[in-house]
């Protein structure tokens, strides 16, 4: 009898293993700048689009009908650590997924990523979540509900680890994030969310949060466009900026794609001037995996700060699981060139190619990108 039970247990374990899918993957981007100027010196360095050290990332996924585990790691700046996600998903019933760990939920996020975003980014551009922010981006718990056709609902609460001394339950629930999106077939997607912040230092001592709404148009063939609105709640300080943003991409033909974004930033203080940021770009696919890309980005900051303009021109060669690119990027700066936070404009990163003096800063980026 014991032998029969043991054999049955092994058979059940084998059946479970066969029903699970295990995958490994990797992604990374490293940029070598053989020559770049901060306006004072010409230097060489390696970096990534967002600055700092080059990144190599790898991920493991374990999936079955009802349970998933996802582990995402990175090797960057001489350190190995958890990257964006380390999570477990359980689907107790159809249309409901419960998750715990380090989480990100992108089902509703509205991006406007193109051109310079994938090279060395000008310090003020923020294309991810441009029109609609990522609903969940924290360590804690969340639920994703898709039980109703065409409707997605995401709700989550940031929860600290035990070693971080925990948090009062009341305070944690004030940071709840709730978002929803409804697809109108043949028309577009309507989205709205509340992102609770609790007593966020950016907005003073009151309990606060952000409200966001967006509409993604899908009715026009080859056009993807989204307009969004973001507004802090219960605050009227200068830090509480209201945003109206637009992102669009149009596939003109099999070779040419046109991209654009625009943002209007309205300070909570009605006496302060608004700021604007916008960009236009194009990607053109040639034969044999070759491609051309170019874009121009502009920032018109508030009050008496000077505008800043950045541009990119580049060429790339694609391979089965990677891409090699080279180009030229430049940013004009002046004494009064600042970003939306009041910091000096330039390139993202650790400052190697940020302006040492007023004038023109430039880089020649050679980008290595890979995925497995």
Protein backbone atom coordinates (compact mmCIF):
# COMPACT_ATOMS: atom_id res chain seq x y z
CA UNK A 1 0.00 0.00 0.00
CA UNK A 2 2.83 2.42 0.90
CA UNK A 3 4.51 1.62 -2.41
CA UNK A 4 1.30 2.40 -4.25
CA UNK A 5 0.96 5.73 -2.43
CA UNK A 6 4.57 6.65 -3.21
CA UNK A 7 4.13 5.84 -6.89
CA UNK A 8 0.91 7.85 -6.99
CA UNK A 9 2.62 10.83 -5.35
CA UNK A 10 5.47 10.77 -7.89
CA UNK A 11 2.98 10.52 -10.73
CA UNK A 12 1.01 13.49 -9.37
CA UNK A 13 4.18 15.53 -9.00
CA UNK A 14 5.25 14.70 -12.54
CA UNK A 15 1.83 15.67 -13.88
CA UNK A 16 2.04 19.01 -12.04
CA UNK A 17 5.51 19.67 -13.42
CA UNK A 18 4.36 18.87 -16.94
CA UNK A 19 1.47 21.34 -16.62
CA UNK A 20 3.79 24.19 -15.62
CA UNK A 21 5.75 26.38 -18.05
CA UNK A 22 9.21 27.57 -17.08
CA UNK A 23 10.97 30.25 -19.10
CA UNK A 24 14.14 32.29 -18.76
CA UNK A 25 14.79 35.59 -20.48
CA UNK A 26 17.12 38.53 -20.54
CA UNK A 27 17.24 42.13 -21.68
CA UNK A 28 19.76 44.90 -21.46
CA UNK A 29 21.05 48.12 -22.95
CA UNK A 30 24.58 49.45 -22.75
CA UNK A 31 25.80 52.64 -24.38
CA UNK A 32 29.38 53.54 -25.16
CA UNK A 33 30.09 57.19 -25.79
CA UNK A 34 33.49 57.32 -27.56
CA UNK A 35 33.28 61.11 -27.49
CA UNK A 36 30.97 63.54 -25.77
CA UNK A 37 31.25 67.09 -24.50
CA UNK A 38 29.89 68.77 -21.38
CA UNK A 39 30.76 72.12 -22.93
CA UNK A 40 34.14 72.19 -21.24
CA UNK A 41 35.82 68.82 -21.89
CA UNK A 42 35.47 65.95 -24.36
CA UNK A 43 35.11 62.63 -22.52
CA UNK A 44 34.34 58.94 -23.07
CA UNK A 45 32.11 56.80 -20.85
CA UNK A 46 29.69 53.86 -20.77
CA UNK A 47 26.14 54.33 -19.52
CA UNK A 48 22.50 53.54 -20.18
CA UNK A 49 19.59 55.60 -21.52
CA UNK A 50 18.66 56.66 -17.99
CA UNK A 51 22.28 57.19 -17.00
CA UNK A 52 24.65 55.47 -14.58
CA UNK A 53 26.20 52.07 -15.29
CA UNK A 54 25.28 49.74 -18.16
CA UNK A 55 22.57 47.18 -17.37
CA UNK A 56 22.21 43.47 -17.98
CA UNK A 57 18.86 42.08 -16.88
CA UNK A 58 17.50 38.57 -16.62
CA UNK A 59 14.17 37.09 -15.59
CA UNK A 60 12.65 33.75 -14.61
CA UNK A 61 8.98 32.84 -15.04
CA UNK A 62 7.15 29.82 -13.66
CA UNK A 63 3.57 29.55 -14.92
CA UNK A 64 0.67 27.17 -14.46
CA UNK A 65 -3.08 27.49 -14.89
CA UNK A 66 -3.63 29.20 -11.54
CA UNK A 67 -0.24 30.17 -10.09
CA UNK A 68 2.69 32.17 -11.50
CA UNK A 69 6.01 33.30 -10.11
CA UNK A 70 8.10 36.02 -11.75
CA UNK A 71 11.59 37.02 -10.69
CA UNK A 72 13.32 39.95 -12.40
CA UNK A 73 16.96 40.80 -11.65
CA UNK A 74 19.56 43.25 -12.92
CA UNK A 75 23.32 43.63 -12.99
CA UNK A 76 24.02 47.33 -13.01
CA UNK A 77 26.62 49.74 -11.68
CA UNK A 78 28.65 46.87 -10.22
CA UNK A 79 25.71 45.45 -8.24
CA UNK A 80 23.32 42.51 -8.60
CA UNK A 81 19.84 43.18 -7.23
CA UNK A 82 16.11 42.78 -7.74
CA UNK A 83 14.90 44.83 -10.67
CA UNK A 84 11.30 45.88 -11.30
CA UNK A 85 9.39 42.83 -10.07
CA UNK A 86 9.59 39.85 -7.73
CA UNK A 87 6.07 38.52 -7.46
CA UNK A 88 3.68 35.60 -7.04
CA UNK A 89 0.28 35.59 -8.79
CA UNK A 90 -2.63 33.37 -7.81
CA UNK A 91 -5.91 33.20 -9.75
CA UNK A 92 -8.48 31.70 -7.36
CA UNK A 93 -11.30 32.14 -9.88
CA UNK A 94 -11.49 33.05 -13.53
CA UNK A 95 -10.96 36.76 -14.13
CA UNK A 96 -9.36 37.50 -10.75
CA UNK A 97 -5.61 37.62 -10.08
CA UNK A 98 -4.15 38.30 -6.64
CA UNK A 99 -0.46 39.24 -6.36
CA UNK A 100 2.12 39.84 -3.65
CA UNK A 101 5.74 41.02 -3.80
CA UNK A 102 7.50 43.79 -5.67
CA UNK A 103 4.85 44.68 -8.24
CA UNK A 104 4.22 46.63 -11.41
CA UNK A 105 0.96 46.71 -13.37
CA UNK A 106 1.10 48.17 -16.88
CA UNK A 107 -2.28 47.14 -18.30
CA UNK A 108 -3.53 50.74 -18.18
CA UNK A 109 -0.30 52.75 -18.48
CA UNK A 110 -0.21 55.34 -21.27
CA UNK A 111 3.26 55.74 -22.80
CA UNK A 112 4.66 58.05 -25.46
CA UNK A 113 8.14 56.53 -25.86
CA UNK A 114 10.17 57.15 -28.99
CA UNK A 115 13.49 58.45 -30.28
CA UNK A 116 15.74 59.85 -27.55
CA UNK A 117 13.96 57.80 -24.89
CA UNK A 118 15.78 54.74 -26.20
CA UNK A 119 19.17 56.49 -26.53
CA UNK A 120 20.62 58.95 -23.98
CA UNK A 121 17.62 60.73 -22.59
CA UNK A 122 17.46 64.49 -22.20
CA UNK A 123 17.08 65.02 -18.47
CA UNK A 124 13.54 66.38 -18.57
CA UNK A 125 11.73 63.81 -20.74
CA UNK A 126 9.52 61.22 -19.02
CA UNK A 127 7.83 59.25 -21.81
CA UNK A 128 6.72 56.25 -19.71
CA UNK A 129 3.34 56.93 -18.17
CA UNK A 130 3.22 60.19 -20.11
CA UNK A 131 -0.56 60.28 -20.44
CA UNK A 132 -1.53 57.76 -17.72
CA UNK A 133 0.71 56.54 -14.92
CA UNK A 134 1.44 52.95 -13.96
CA UNK A 135 -1.30 52.07 -11.46
CA UNK A 136 0.87 49.83 -9.31
CA UNK A 137 4.62 50.33 -8.83
CA UNK A 138 5.52 49.32 -5.29
CA UNK A 139 6.15 46.47 -2.87
CA UNK A 140 2.89 45.15 -1.47
CA UNK A 141 -0.29 43.43 -2.65
CA UNK A 142 -2.71 44.00 -5.51
CA UNK A 143 -5.63 42.55 -7.42
CA UNK A 144 -6.30 42.60 -11.16
CA UNK A 145 -9.90 41.88 -12.17
CA UNK A 146 -10.94 41.11 -15.74
CA UNK A 147 -14.15 39.17 -15.01
CA UNK A 148 -16.34 41.65 -16.93
CA UNK A 149 -15.80 41.74 -20.68
CA UNK A 150 -13.80 44.79 -21.88
CA UNK A 151 -13.26 46.02 -18.30
CA UNK A 152 -9.96 45.94 -16.38
CA UNK A 153 -9.81 46.95 -12.71
CA UNK A 154 -6.56 47.15 -10.73
CA UNK A 155 -6.30 47.87 -7.00
CA UNK A 156 -3.28 47.68 -4.75
CA UNK A 157 -1.79 48.74 -1.42
CA UNK A 158 1.90 49.36 -0.71
CA UNK A 159 2.94 47.22 2.26
CA UNK A 160 6.39 47.42 3.90
CA UNK A 161 8.44 44.35 4.74
CA UNK A 162 8.51 43.11 8.31
CA UNK A 163 12.11 44.30 8.72
CA UNK A 164 11.03 47.86 7.92
CA UNK A 165 9.04 48.04 11.20
CA UNK A 166 5.71 47.77 9.41
CA UNK A 167 3.21 50.60 9.12
CA UNK A 168 -0.07 51.56 10.73
CA UNK A 169 -2.88 49.88 8.81
CA UNK A 170 -4.77 53.17 8.55
CA UNK A 171 -1.77 54.93 7.02
CA UNK A 172 -1.09 52.10 4.56
CA UNK A 173 -4.66 52.10 3.26
CA UNK A 174 -4.46 55.84 2.61
CA UNK A 175 -1.93 54.96 -0.10
CA UNK A 176 -4.32 52.68 -1.97
CA UNK A 177 -4.17 52.76 -5.78
CA UNK A 178 -7.32 52.02 -7.78
CA UNK A 179 -7.55 52.18 -11.58
CA UNK A 180 -9.99 51.03 -14.25
CA UNK A 181 -10.12 50.90 -18.02
CA UNK A 182 -13.06 50.11 -20.28
CA UNK A 183 -12.63 49.25 -23.95
CA UNK A 184 -15.28 50.54 -26.35
CA UNK A 185 -14.80 48.23 -29.30
CA UNK A 186 -13.85 50.02 -32.48
CA UNK A 187 -13.52 53.36 -30.65
CA UNK A 188 -10.99 53.35 -27.84
CA UNK A 189 -10.29 52.87 -24.14
CA UNK A 190 -11.56 55.08 -21.31
CA UNK A 191 -9.34 55.07 -18.20
CA UNK A 192 -9.41 56.63 -14.73
CA UNK A 193 -7.54 56.07 -11.49
CA UNK A 194 -6.84 57.37 -8.00
CA UNK A 195 -3.30 57.05 -6.67
CA UNK A 196 -3.33 57.60 -2.92
CA UNK A 197 -0.19 59.09 -1.40
CA UNK A 198 -1.07 59.39 2.28
CA UNK A 199 0.96 62.13 3.95
CA UNK A 200 3.31 62.60 1.01
CA UNK A 201 6.11 65.05 1.73
CA UNK A 202 5.78 66.55 -1.76
CA UNK A 203 2.35 67.90 -0.87
CA UNK A 204 2.73 68.93 2.76
CA UNK A 205 1.08 67.33 5.77
CA UNK A 206 -2.41 66.60 4.47
CA UNK A 207 -3.50 63.21 3.17
CA UNK A 208 -3.31 63.49 -0.59
CA UNK A 209 -3.45 61.59 -3.83
CA UNK A 210 -3.54 62.03 -7.59
CA UNK A 211 -6.52 61.67 -9.89
CA UNK A 212 -5.88 60.71 -13.51
CA UNK A 213 -8.13 60.23 -16.53
CA UNK A 214 -7.30 59.34 -20.12
CA UNK A 215 -8.77 58.28 -23.42
CA UNK A 216 -6.90 56.09 -25.91
CA UNK A 217 -8.17 56.34 -29.47
CA UNK A 218 -8.11 53.13 -31.53
CA UNK A 219 -10.73 53.95 -34.15
CA UNK A 220 -8.31 55.28 -36.77
CA UNK A 221 -6.31 52.70 -38.70
CA UNK A 222 -2.54 52.84 -38.13
CA UNK A 223 -2.94 55.59 -35.52
CA UNK A 224 -2.42 55.18 -31.78
CA UNK A 225 -3.24 58.32 -29.81
CA UNK A 226 -3.97 59.05 -26.17
CA UNK A 227 -4.82 62.17 -24.21
CA UNK A 228 -4.58 62.28 -20.44
CA UNK A 229 -5.15 64.56 -17.47
CA UNK A 230 -3.41 64.34 -14.07
CA UNK A 231 -4.36 66.35 -11.01
CA UNK A 232 -3.20 66.26 -7.38
CA UNK A 233 -6.07 66.29 -4.89
CA UNK A 234 -6.31 68.44 -1.72
CA UNK A 235 -3.34 70.61 -2.53
CA UNK A 236 -2.78 73.96 -4.24
CA UNK A 237 0.95 74.48 -3.70
CA UNK A 238 3.45 74.96 -6.52
CA UNK A 239 4.41 71.28 -6.21
CA UNK A 240 0.86 70.20 -7.07
CA UNK A 241 1.18 70.42 -10.86
CA UNK A 242 -1.79 69.63 -13.07
CA UNK A 243 -0.85 68.00 -16.37
CA UNK A 244 -2.54 67.71 -19.75
CA UNK A 245 -0.63 65.32 -22.00
CA UNK A 246 -0.94 63.90 -25.49
CA UNK A 247 0.96 61.06 -27.14
CA UNK A 248 0.52 59.79 -30.70
CA UNK A 249 2.15 57.39 -33.14
CA UNK A 250 1.16 56.99 -36.79
CA UNK A 251 2.31 54.17 -39.07
CA UNK A 252 2.40 56.00 -42.40
CA UNK A 253 3.42 52.88 -44.34
CA UNK A 254 5.42 49.69 -43.86
CA UNK A 255 8.64 51.68 -43.48
CA UNK A 256 7.76 55.02 -41.85
CA UNK A 257 6.42 55.70 -38.36
CA UNK A 258 5.77 59.21 -37.03
CA UNK A 259 5.67 60.02 -33.31
CA UNK A 260 4.77 63.02 -31.18
CA UNK A 261 4.00 64.01 -27.62
CA UNK A 262 2.96 67.19 -25.85
CA UNK A 263 2.57 68.17 -22.21
CA UNK A 264 1.16 71.26 -20.53
CA UNK A 265 2.10 71.65 -16.84
CA UNK A 266 -0.03 73.97 -14.69
CA UNK A 267 1.34 74.82 -11.21
CA UNK A 268 -1.06 74.80 -8.28
CA UNK A 269 -0.17 78.42 -7.61
CA UNK A 270 -2.24 80.40 -10.11
CA UNK A 271 0.36 83.19 -10.18
CA UNK A 272 3.05 80.88 -11.60
CA UNK A 273 3.41 80.49 -15.36
CA UNK A 274 2.69 77.11 -16.98
CA UNK A 275 5.41 75.02 -18.60
CA UNK A 276 5.30 73.03 -21.82
CA UNK A 277 7.26 70.10 -23.21
CA UNK A 278 6.86 68.52 -26.63
CA UNK A 279 8.62 66.31 -29.11
CA UNK A 280 8.35 64.98 -32.66
CA UNK A 281 10.20 62.09 -34.22
CA UNK A 282 10.34 59.59 -37.04
CA UNK A 283 11.56 56.03 -37.56
CA UNK A 284 12.30 54.69 -41.04
CA UNK A 285 12.94 51.02 -41.73
CA UNK A 286 15.40 50.18 -44.51
CA UNK A 287 16.26 46.75 -45.90
CA UNK A 288 18.45 44.11 -44.20
CA UNK A 289 17.52 45.18 -40.69
CA UNK A 290 18.76 48.75 -41.05
CA UNK A 291 16.78 51.64 -39.64
CA UNK A 292 16.97 55.41 -39.25
CA UNK A 293 15.61 57.44 -36.35
CA UNK A 294 15.46 61.13 -35.52
CA UNK A 295 13.67 63.34 -33.06
CA UNK A 296 13.56 66.83 -31.57
CA UNK A 297 12.52 67.57 -27.99
CA UNK A 298 11.77 70.98 -26.50
CA UNK A 299 11.10 72.27 -23.00
CA UNK A 300 9.61 75.67 -22.29
CA UNK A 301 9.87 76.01 -18.52
CA UNK A 302 7.81 78.34 -16.38
CA UNK A 303 8.51 81.93 -15.41
CA UNK A 304 11.68 83.47 -16.89
CA UNK A 305 13.71 80.27 -17.48
CA UNK A 306 15.12 79.76 -20.97
CA UNK A 307 13.80 77.04 -23.33
CA UNK A 308 15.92 73.97 -23.97
CA UNK A 309 16.05 71.97 -27.21
CA UNK A 310 17.51 68.49 -27.72
CA UNK A 311 17.85 66.46 -30.91
CA UNK A 312 18.90 63.00 -32.08
CA UNK A 313 19.88 61.47 -35.42
CA UNK A 314 20.83 57.80 -35.51
CA UNK A 315 21.10 54.59 -37.51
CA UNK A 316 20.62 51.03 -36.27
CA UNK A 317 21.17 47.47 -37.45
CA UNK A 318 18.90 44.77 -36.07
CA UNK A 319 19.86 41.15 -35.46
CA UNK A 320 17.92 38.08 -34.36
CA UNK A 321 17.99 39.03 -30.69
CA UNK A 322 19.72 42.38 -30.53
CA UNK A 323 20.46 45.71 -32.10
CA UNK A 324 23.54 47.89 -32.64
CA UNK A 325 23.01 51.63 -33.08
CA UNK A 326 25.08 54.77 -33.46
CA UNK A 327 24.10 58.42 -33.63
CA UNK A 328 24.61 62.00 -32.58
CA UNK A 329 22.75 63.85 -29.83
CA UNK A 330 22.88 67.45 -28.67
CA UNK A 331 21.28 69.70 -26.07
CA UNK A 332 21.47 73.49 -25.93
CA UNK A 333 21.74 74.99 -22.44
CA UNK A 334 21.94 78.47 -20.97
CA UNK A 335 22.27 80.03 -17.56
CA UNK A 336 18.49 79.85 -17.14
CA UNK A 337 17.91 76.39 -18.66
CA UNK A 338 16.15 74.29 -16.00
CA UNK A 339 13.79 71.34 -16.02
CA UNK A 340 10.36 71.16 -14.40
CA UNK A 341 11.93 70.56 -10.97
CA UNK A 342 14.27 73.53 -11.27
CA UNK A 343 17.38 71.44 -11.96
CA UNK A 344 19.86 72.28 -14.72
CA UNK A 345 18.93 70.64 -18.03
CA UNK A 346 21.22 68.35 -20.01
CA UNK A 347 21.46 64.58 -20.38
CA UNK A 348 20.19 62.02 -17.88
CA UNK A 349 22.73 60.19 -15.77
CA UNK A 350 25.57 60.77 -13.38
CA UNK A 351 26.65 64.09 -14.84
CA UNK A 352 29.47 63.06 -17.21
CA UNK A 353 27.86 64.89 -20.12
CA UNK A 354 25.75 67.39 -18.23
CA UNK A 355 26.66 71.02 -18.89
CA UNK A 356 29.68 72.42 -17.12
CA UNK A 357 29.10 75.77 -18.81
CA UNK A 358 26.35 77.42 -20.81
CA UNK A 359 26.26 76.53 -24.48
CA UNK A 360 25.94 73.23 -26.34
CA UNK A 361 26.55 69.72 -24.99
CA UNK A 362 26.72 66.68 -27.25
CA UNK A 363 27.40 62.94 -27.37
CA UNK A 364 28.08 60.25 -29.97
CA UNK A 365 26.25 57.24 -28.51
CA UNK A 366 26.91 53.66 -29.64
CA UNK A 367 24.08 51.52 -28.27
CA UNK A 368 24.22 47.77 -27.63
CA UNK A 369 20.76 46.29 -26.98
CA UNK A 370 19.94 42.60 -26.50
CA UNK A 371 17.05 40.36 -25.55
CA UNK A 372 16.71 36.61 -25.03
